[in-house]
Amino acid sequence: MVGNPENLRAAARNKHDAAQLRAEQGLRQLIRKNEPITFERVAAEAGVSKDFLYRMLDLRTRITELRDHQQTTRHTPSTISTKADIAAESTSNIIRTLTAKLAHERASNRQEIAELQAALSAAHGEILRLKRSLRADPS
């Protein structure tokens, strides 16, 4: 079989890149139009299959994050127009979560320290009482 498989690979790569570009543009269009972000809508807007969108990990992640964000907040989709915006929001959520966790751990540690100090004071008191009772009872 004669042919140039490299030309076929290049054509397939170009077709794939063009579909990915259309999908990105379709997603941006939906964001600009303030329409709900779903795989079906992005596929229809971009002229690609839903299967293609699901296979593209970066694109699938963006669509899922945008869709979930739209469902959980009242922000307009145009406020989350780039990966950088999503990453910044995700980072701030992580920071808030970690800050809350740290505050909880600190409070828990303060409580534990207070309990240990109380137990230590009680132990010191008991030691002092025992020393005094030993001094009073020379037998």
N, C-alpha and C. Protein backbone atom coordinates (compact mmCIF):
# COMPACT_ATOMS: atom_id res chain seq x y z
N MET A 1 0.85 -1.17 0.00
CA MET A 1 0.00 0.00 0.00
C MET A 1 0.89 1.23 0.00
N VAL A 2 0.74 2.06 -1.02
CA VAL A 2 1.55 3.26 -1.16
C VAL A 2 0.75 4.45 -0.65
N GLY A 3 1.42 5.35 -0.01
CA GLY A 3 0.75 6.54 0.49
C GLY A 3 1.68 7.25 1.47
N ASN A 4 1.19 8.29 2.01
CA ASN A 4 1.99 9.04 2.97
C ASN A 4 1.21 9.14 4.29
N PRO A 5 1.54 8.22 5.21
CA PRO A 5 0.81 8.22 6.47
C PRO A 5 1.02 9.51 7.28
N GLU A 6 2.14 10.16 7.06
CA GLU A 6 2.40 11.41 7.79
C GLU A 6 1.40 12.49 7.38
N ASN A 7 1.01 12.51 6.10
CA ASN A 7 -0.01 13.46 5.64
C ASN A 7 -1.35 13.18 6.31
N LEU A 8 -1.68 11.89 6.46
CA LEU A 8 -2.92 11.53 7.13
C LEU A 8 -2.89 11.95 8.60
N ARG A 9 -1.76 11.74 9.26
CA ARG A 9 -1.62 12.15 10.67
C ARG A 9 -1.75 13.66 10.79
N ALA A 10 -1.10 14.39 9.89
CA ALA A 10 -1.15 15.86 9.92
C ALA A 10 -2.58 16.34 9.69
N ALA A 11 -3.30 15.73 8.76
CA ALA A 11 -4.67 16.11 8.48
C ALA A 11 -5.56 15.83 9.69
N ALA A 12 -5.37 14.68 10.32
CA ALA A 12 -6.15 14.34 11.51
C ALA A 12 -5.85 15.32 12.65
N ARG A 13 -4.58 15.67 12.81
CA ARG A 13 -4.19 16.62 13.86
C ARG A 13 -4.82 17.99 13.59
N ASN A 14 -4.79 18.42 12.33
CA ASN A 14 -5.40 19.71 11.97
C ASN A 14 -6.90 19.71 12.21
N LYS A 15 -7.56 18.60 11.87
CA LYS A 15 -8.99 18.48 12.09
C LYS A 15 -9.31 18.53 13.59
N HIS A 16 -8.51 17.84 14.37
CA HIS A 16 -8.68 17.83 15.83
C HIS A 16 -8.48 19.23 16.40
N ASP A 17 -7.41 19.90 15.98
CA ASP A 17 -7.13 21.26 16.48
C ASP A 17 -8.23 22.24 16.11
N ALA A 18 -8.76 22.10 14.89
CA ALA A 18 -9.84 22.98 14.45
C ALA A 18 -11.10 22.74 15.28
N ALA A 19 -11.39 21.49 15.59
CA ALA A 19 -12.57 21.17 16.40
C ALA A 19 -12.38 21.72 17.82
N GLN A 20 -11.18 21.61 18.34
CA GLN A 20 -10.92 22.12 19.68
C GLN A 20 -11.08 23.65 19.71
N LEU A 21 -10.60 24.31 18.68
CA LEU A 21 -10.74 25.76 18.59
C LEU A 21 -12.21 26.16 18.50
N ARG A 22 -13.00 25.43 17.70
CA ARG A 22 -14.43 25.71 17.59
C ARG A 22 -15.12 25.51 18.93
N ALA A 23 -14.72 24.48 19.65
CA ALA A 23 -15.32 24.22 20.97
C ALA A 23 -15.00 25.36 21.94
N GLU A 24 -13.75 25.82 21.95
CA GLU A 24 -13.37 26.94 22.81
C GLU A 24 -14.18 28.19 22.46
N GLN A 25 -14.30 28.46 21.16
CA GLN A 25 -15.06 29.63 20.72
C GLN A 25 -16.54 29.48 21.05
N GLY A 26 -17.08 28.29 20.91
CA GLY A 26 -18.48 28.04 21.26
C GLY A 26 -18.73 28.27 22.74
N LEU A 27 -17.80 27.83 23.56
CA LEU A 27 -17.92 28.04 25.01
C LEU A 27 -17.89 29.53 25.33
N ARG A 28 -16.97 30.25 24.71
CA ARG A 28 -16.89 31.71 24.93
C ARG A 28 -18.17 32.41 24.48
N GLN A 29 -18.74 31.96 23.37
CA GLN A 29 -20.00 32.54 22.87
C GLN A 29 -21.12 32.36 23.88
N LEU A 30 -21.24 31.17 24.44
CA LEU A 30 -22.28 30.91 25.42
C LEU A 30 -22.09 31.79 26.66
N ILE A 31 -20.84 31.97 27.05
CA ILE A 31 -20.55 32.82 28.21
C ILE A 31 -20.97 34.25 27.90
N ARG A 32 -20.60 34.75 26.72
CA ARG A 32 -20.96 36.13 26.33
C ARG A 32 -22.47 36.32 26.26
N LYS A 33 -23.18 35.30 25.81
CA LYS A 33 -24.63 35.38 25.67
C LYS A 33 -25.36 35.16 27.00
N ASN A 34 -24.62 34.87 28.04
CA ASN A 34 -25.21 34.56 29.35
C ASN A 34 -26.16 33.37 29.28
N GLU A 35 -25.81 32.37 28.49
CA GLU A 35 -26.64 31.17 28.39
C GLU A 35 -26.09 30.09 29.30
N PRO A 36 -26.95 29.19 29.71
CA PRO A 36 -26.48 28.09 30.56
C PRO A 36 -25.41 27.27 29.85
N ILE A 37 -24.39 26.90 30.60
CA ILE A 37 -23.29 26.11 30.04
C ILE A 37 -23.59 24.63 30.28
N THR A 38 -23.78 23.90 29.18
CA THR A 38 -23.95 22.45 29.24
C THR A 38 -23.15 21.86 28.09
N PHE A 39 -22.86 20.58 28.19
CA PHE A 39 -22.13 19.92 27.11
C PHE A 39 -22.93 19.96 25.82
N GLU A 40 -24.24 19.77 25.94
CA GLU A 40 -25.10 19.78 24.75
C GLU A 40 -25.08 21.15 24.06
N ARG A 41 -25.18 22.22 24.85
CA ARG A 41 -25.19 23.57 24.26
C ARG A 41 -23.83 23.92 23.64
N VAL A 42 -22.74 23.55 24.33
CA VAL A 42 -21.41 23.84 23.78
C VAL A 42 -21.21 23.07 22.48
N ALA A 43 -21.62 21.81 22.47
CA ALA A 43 -21.48 20.99 21.26
C ALA A 43 -22.27 21.59 20.10
N ALA A 44 -23.49 22.02 20.38
CA ALA A 44 -24.33 22.60 19.32
C ALA A 44 -23.74 23.92 18.84
N GLU A 45 -23.28 24.76 19.76
CA GLU A 45 -22.72 26.07 19.41
C GLU A 45 -21.44 25.92 18.58
N ALA A 46 -20.64 24.90 18.92
CA ALA A 46 -19.33 24.73 18.28
C ALA A 46 -19.37 23.82 17.05
N GLY A 47 -20.43 23.08 16.91
CA GLY A 47 -20.49 22.14 15.79
C GLY A 47 -19.58 20.94 16.00
N VAL A 48 -19.47 20.49 17.24
CA VAL A 48 -18.68 19.30 17.56
C VAL A 48 -19.58 18.34 18.32
N SER A 49 -19.11 17.12 18.50
CA SER A 49 -19.93 16.15 19.23
C SER A 49 -19.71 16.27 20.73
N LYS A 50 -20.71 15.83 21.48
CA LYS A 50 -20.56 15.81 22.93
C LYS A 50 -19.42 14.87 23.32
N ASP A 51 -19.29 13.77 22.59
CA ASP A 51 -18.22 12.82 22.86
C ASP A 51 -16.85 13.50 22.76
N PHE A 52 -16.68 14.36 21.77
CA PHE A 52 -15.42 15.09 21.61
C PHE A 52 -15.16 15.95 22.84
N LEU A 53 -16.21 16.64 23.32
CA LEU A 53 -16.04 17.50 24.49
C LEU A 53 -15.67 16.68 25.72
N TYR A 54 -16.28 15.52 25.89
CA TYR A 54 -15.98 14.68 27.04
C TYR A 54 -14.56 14.12 26.98
N ARG A 55 -14.07 13.86 25.77
CA ARG A 55 -12.72 13.31 25.63
C ARG A 55 -11.62 14.34 25.86
N MET A 56 -11.94 15.63 25.70
CA MET A 56 -10.94 16.69 25.89
C MET A 56 -10.94 17.08 27.37
N LEU A 57 -9.97 16.59 28.13
CA LEU A 57 -9.96 16.75 29.58
C LEU A 57 -10.03 18.21 30.02
N ASP A 58 -9.21 19.09 29.43
CA ASP A 58 -9.23 20.51 29.82
C ASP A 58 -10.59 21.14 29.55
N LEU A 59 -11.11 20.86 28.38
CA LEU A 59 -12.40 21.43 27.98
C LEU A 59 -13.52 20.87 28.86
N ARG A 60 -13.49 19.56 29.10
CA ARG A 60 -14.49 18.93 29.95
C ARG A 60 -14.47 19.55 31.35
N THR A 61 -13.27 19.76 31.89
CA THR A 61 -13.13 20.35 33.23
C THR A 61 -13.69 21.76 33.25
N ARG A 62 -13.36 22.56 32.24
CA ARG A 62 -13.87 23.94 32.18
C ARG A 62 -15.39 23.97 32.10
N ILE A 63 -15.95 23.15 31.23
CA ILE A 63 -17.40 23.12 31.06
C ILE A 63 -18.07 22.69 32.36
N THR A 64 -17.54 21.66 33.00
CA THR A 64 -18.10 21.18 34.26
C THR A 64 -18.01 22.24 35.34
N GLU A 65 -16.87 22.90 35.45
CA GLU A 65 -16.70 23.94 36.47
C GLU A 65 -17.64 25.12 36.21
N LEU A 66 -17.74 25.54 34.96
CA LEU A 66 -18.64 26.65 34.63
C LEU A 66 -20.09 26.27 34.89
N ARG A 67 -20.47 25.08 34.49
CA ARG A 67 -21.84 24.62 34.71
C ARG A 67 -22.14 24.56 36.21
N ASP A 68 -21.24 23.96 36.98
CA ASP A 68 -21.45 23.85 38.43
C ASP A 68 -21.48 25.23 39.08
N HIS A 69 -20.62 26.11 38.60
CA HIS A 69 -20.58 27.46 39.16
C HIS A 69 -21.89 28.19 38.89
N GLN A 70 -22.42 28.04 37.69
CA GLN A 70 -23.69 28.68 37.35
C GLN A 70 -24.82 28.14 38.23
N GLN A 71 -24.76 26.88 38.56
CA GLN A 71 -25.83 26.27 39.36
C GLN A 71 -25.74 26.67 40.82
N THR A 72 -24.55 27.01 41.31
CA THR A 72 -24.39 27.30 42.73
C THR A 72 -24.35 28.78 43.06
N THR A 73 -24.19 29.63 42.06
CA THR A 73 -24.14 31.06 42.34
C THR A 73 -25.09 31.82 41.45
N ARG A 74 -25.26 33.07 41.75
CA ARG A 74 -26.15 33.91 40.94
C ARG A 74 -25.34 34.85 40.06
N HIS A 75 -24.04 34.61 39.95
CA HIS A 75 -23.20 35.44 39.08
C HIS A 75 -23.58 35.19 37.63
N THR A 76 -23.37 36.16 36.81
CA THR A 76 -23.61 35.95 35.39
C THR A 76 -22.43 35.20 34.81
N PRO A 77 -22.65 34.36 33.80
CA PRO A 77 -21.56 33.59 33.22
C PRO A 77 -20.44 34.46 32.66
N SER A 78 -20.74 35.70 32.28
CA SER A 78 -19.69 36.53 31.70
C SER A 78 -18.64 36.92 32.73
N THR A 79 -18.94 36.74 34.02
CA THR A 79 -17.93 37.08 35.04
C THR A 79 -16.89 36.00 35.18
N ILE A 80 -17.10 34.86 34.55
CA ILE A 80 -16.15 33.75 34.63
C ILE A 80 -15.72 33.36 33.23
N SER A 81 -15.07 34.22 32.55
CA SER A 81 -14.85 34.01 31.13
C SER A 81 -13.54 33.33 30.79
N THR A 82 -12.65 33.16 31.71
CA THR A 82 -11.36 32.56 31.35
C THR A 82 -10.95 31.51 32.36
N LYS A 83 -9.98 30.70 31.96
CA LYS A 83 -9.42 29.71 32.86
C LYS A 83 -8.81 30.39 34.08
N ALA A 84 -8.19 31.53 33.87
CA ALA A 84 -7.55 32.25 34.96
C ALA A 84 -8.57 32.66 36.01
N ASP A 85 -9.76 33.09 35.56
CA ASP A 85 -10.81 33.46 36.50
C ASP A 85 -11.25 32.25 37.32
N ILE A 86 -11.42 31.13 36.65
CA ILE A 86 -11.84 29.91 37.33
C ILE A 86 -10.76 29.47 38.31
N ALA A 87 -9.51 29.53 37.86
CA ALA A 87 -8.40 29.13 38.73
C ALA A 87 -8.31 30.04 39.95
N ALA A 88 -8.49 31.35 39.74
CA ALA A 88 -8.43 32.29 40.86
C ALA A 88 -9.57 32.01 41.84
N GLU A 89 -10.75 31.75 41.32
CA GLU A 89 -11.88 31.46 42.20
C GLU A 89 -11.64 30.16 42.95
N SER A 90 -11.14 29.15 42.25
CA SER A 90 -10.85 27.87 42.88
C SER A 90 -9.79 28.04 43.97
N THR A 91 -8.77 28.84 43.67
CA THR A 91 -7.71 29.09 44.64
C THR A 91 -8.27 29.80 45.87
N SER A 92 -9.13 30.79 45.66
CA SER A 92 -9.69 31.50 46.80
C SER A 92 -10.59 30.58 47.63
N ASN A 93 -11.30 29.66 46.98
CA ASN A 93 -12.11 28.69 47.72
C ASN A 93 -11.22 27.78 48.56
N ILE A 94 -10.10 27.37 48.00
CA ILE A 94 -9.16 26.52 48.72
C ILE A 94 -8.59 27.28 49.91
N ILE A 95 -8.24 28.54 49.69
CA ILE A 95 -7.68 29.36 50.77
C ILE A 95 -8.71 29.53 51.88
N ARG A 96 -9.97 29.80 51.51
CA ARG A 96 -11.02 29.94 52.53
C ARG A 96 -11.20 28.65 53.32
N THR A 97 -11.20 27.53 52.62
CA THR A 97 -11.36 26.23 53.28
C THR A 97 -10.21 25.96 54.22
N LEU A 98 -8.99 26.19 53.74
CA LEU A 98 -7.82 25.94 54.59
C LEU A 98 -7.77 26.90 55.77
N THR A 99 -8.16 28.15 55.57
CA THR A 99 -8.17 29.12 56.66
C THR A 99 -9.19 28.70 57.72
N ALA A 100 -10.35 28.26 57.30
CA ALA A 100 -11.36 27.79 58.25
C ALA A 100 -10.87 26.56 59.01
N LYS A 101 -10.22 25.66 58.27
CA LYS A 101 -9.69 24.45 58.91
C LYS A 101 -8.61 24.82 59.93
N LEU A 102 -7.74 25.76 59.57
CA LEU A 102 -6.68 26.21 60.48
C LEU A 102 -7.28 26.85 61.72
N ALA A 103 -8.29 27.68 61.57
CA ALA A 103 -8.95 28.32 62.71
C ALA A 103 -9.56 27.26 63.63
N HIS A 104 -10.18 26.26 63.03
CA HIS A 104 -10.77 25.18 63.82
C HIS A 104 -9.68 24.42 64.57
N GLU A 105 -8.57 24.11 63.91
CA GLU A 105 -7.46 23.40 64.55
C GLU A 105 -6.87 24.22 65.69
N ARG A 106 -6.72 25.52 65.48
CA ARG A 106 -6.18 26.39 66.53
C ARG A 106 -7.11 26.40 67.75
N ALA A 107 -8.40 26.53 67.51
CA ALA A 107 -9.36 26.52 68.62
C ALA A 107 -9.31 25.19 69.36
N SER A 108 -9.21 24.12 68.61
CA SER A 108 -9.13 22.79 69.21
C SER A 108 -7.85 22.67 70.05
N ASN A 109 -6.75 23.18 69.52
CA ASN A 109 -5.47 23.13 70.25
C ASN A 109 -5.54 23.98 71.51
N ARG A 110 -6.14 25.16 71.44
CA ARG A 110 -6.28 26.02 72.62
C ARG A 110 -7.10 25.31 73.70
N GLN A 111 -8.16 24.64 73.29
CA GLN A 111 -9.00 23.90 74.23
C GLN A 111 -8.19 22.78 74.88
N GLU A 112 -7.46 22.04 74.08
CA GLU A 112 -6.65 20.94 74.60
C GLU A 112 -5.57 21.46 75.56
N ILE A 113 -4.94 22.57 75.23
CA ILE A 113 -3.92 23.17 76.10
C ILE A 113 -4.54 23.58 77.43
N ALA A 114 -5.71 24.19 77.39
CA ALA A 114 -6.39 24.60 78.62
C ALA A 114 -6.70 23.38 79.48
N GLU A 115 -7.18 22.31 78.87
CA GLU A 115 -7.47 21.08 79.62
C GLU A 115 -6.20 20.49 80.22
N LEU A 116 -5.11 20.47 79.46
CA LEU A 116 -3.84 19.94 79.96
C LEU A 116 -3.29 20.80 81.10
N GLN A 117 -3.42 22.12 80.97
CA GLN A 117 -2.97 23.00 82.05
C GLN A 117 -3.78 22.76 83.32
N ALA A 118 -5.08 22.57 83.19
CA ALA A 118 -5.92 22.28 84.34
C ALA A 118 -5.52 20.95 84.98
N ALA A 119 -5.26 19.94 84.16
CA ALA A 119 -4.84 18.64 84.68
C ALA A 119 -3.48 18.75 85.37
N LEU A 120 -2.57 19.52 84.79
CA LEU A 120 -1.24 19.72 85.38
C LEU A 120 -1.37 20.44 86.72
N SER A 121 -2.21 21.46 86.78
CA SER A 121 -2.43 22.17 88.04
C SER A 121 -3.00 21.23 89.09
N ALA A 122 -3.92 20.39 88.70
CA ALA A 122 -4.51 19.42 89.64
C ALA A 122 -3.44 18.44 90.12
N ALA A 123 -2.59 17.99 89.20
CA ALA A 123 -1.52 17.07 89.56
C ALA A 123 -0.53 17.73 90.52
N HIS A 124 -0.17 18.98 90.25
CA HIS A 124 0.73 19.71 91.15
C HIS A 124 0.09 19.85 92.53
N GLY A 125 -1.20 20.16 92.57
CA GLY A 125 -1.91 20.27 93.84
C GLY A 125 -1.89 18.95 94.60
N GLU A 126 -2.11 17.86 93.90
CA GLU A 126 -2.09 16.53 94.54
C GLU A 126 -0.70 16.20 95.07
N ILE A 127 0.33 16.52 94.28
CA ILE A 127 1.71 16.30 94.73
C ILE A 127 1.99 17.10 96.00
N LEU A 128 1.59 18.35 96.01
CA LEU A 128 1.80 19.20 97.18
C LEU A 128 1.06 18.63 98.40
N ARG A 129 -0.18 18.18 98.19
CA ARG A 129 -0.96 17.60 99.28
C ARG A 129 -0.26 16.35 99.83
N LEU A 130 0.24 15.50 98.93
CA LEU A 130 0.93 14.28 99.36
C LEU A 130 2.22 14.60 100.11
N LYS A 131 2.97 15.60 99.65
CA LYS A 131 4.21 15.99 100.34
C LYS A 131 3.88 16.48 101.75
N ARG A 132 2.84 17.28 101.87
CA ARG A 132 2.46 17.79 103.18
C ARG A 132 2.00 16.67 104.12
N SER A 133 1.27 15.73 103.56
CA SER A 133 0.80 14.61 104.40
C SER A 133 1.97 13.73 104.83
N LEU A 134 3.01 13.61 103.99
CA LEU A 134 4.19 12.85 104.36
C LEU A 134 4.96 13.55 105.48
N ARG A 135 5.04 14.86 105.42
CA ARG A 135 5.73 15.64 106.45
C ARG A 135 4.98 15.57 107.78
N ALA A 136 3.68 15.57 107.72
CA ALA A 136 2.86 15.55 108.93
C ALA A 136 2.87 14.16 109.58
N ASP A 137 3.03 13.13 108.79
CA ASP A 137 3.02 11.77 109.30
C ASP A 137 4.43 11.18 109.21
N PRO A 138 5.28 11.35 110.27
CA PRO A 138 6.66 10.91 110.20
C PRO A 138 6.81 9.38 110.31
N SER A 139 5.83 8.62 110.51
CA SER A 139 5.99 7.18 110.72
C SER A 139 6.32 6.49 109.48
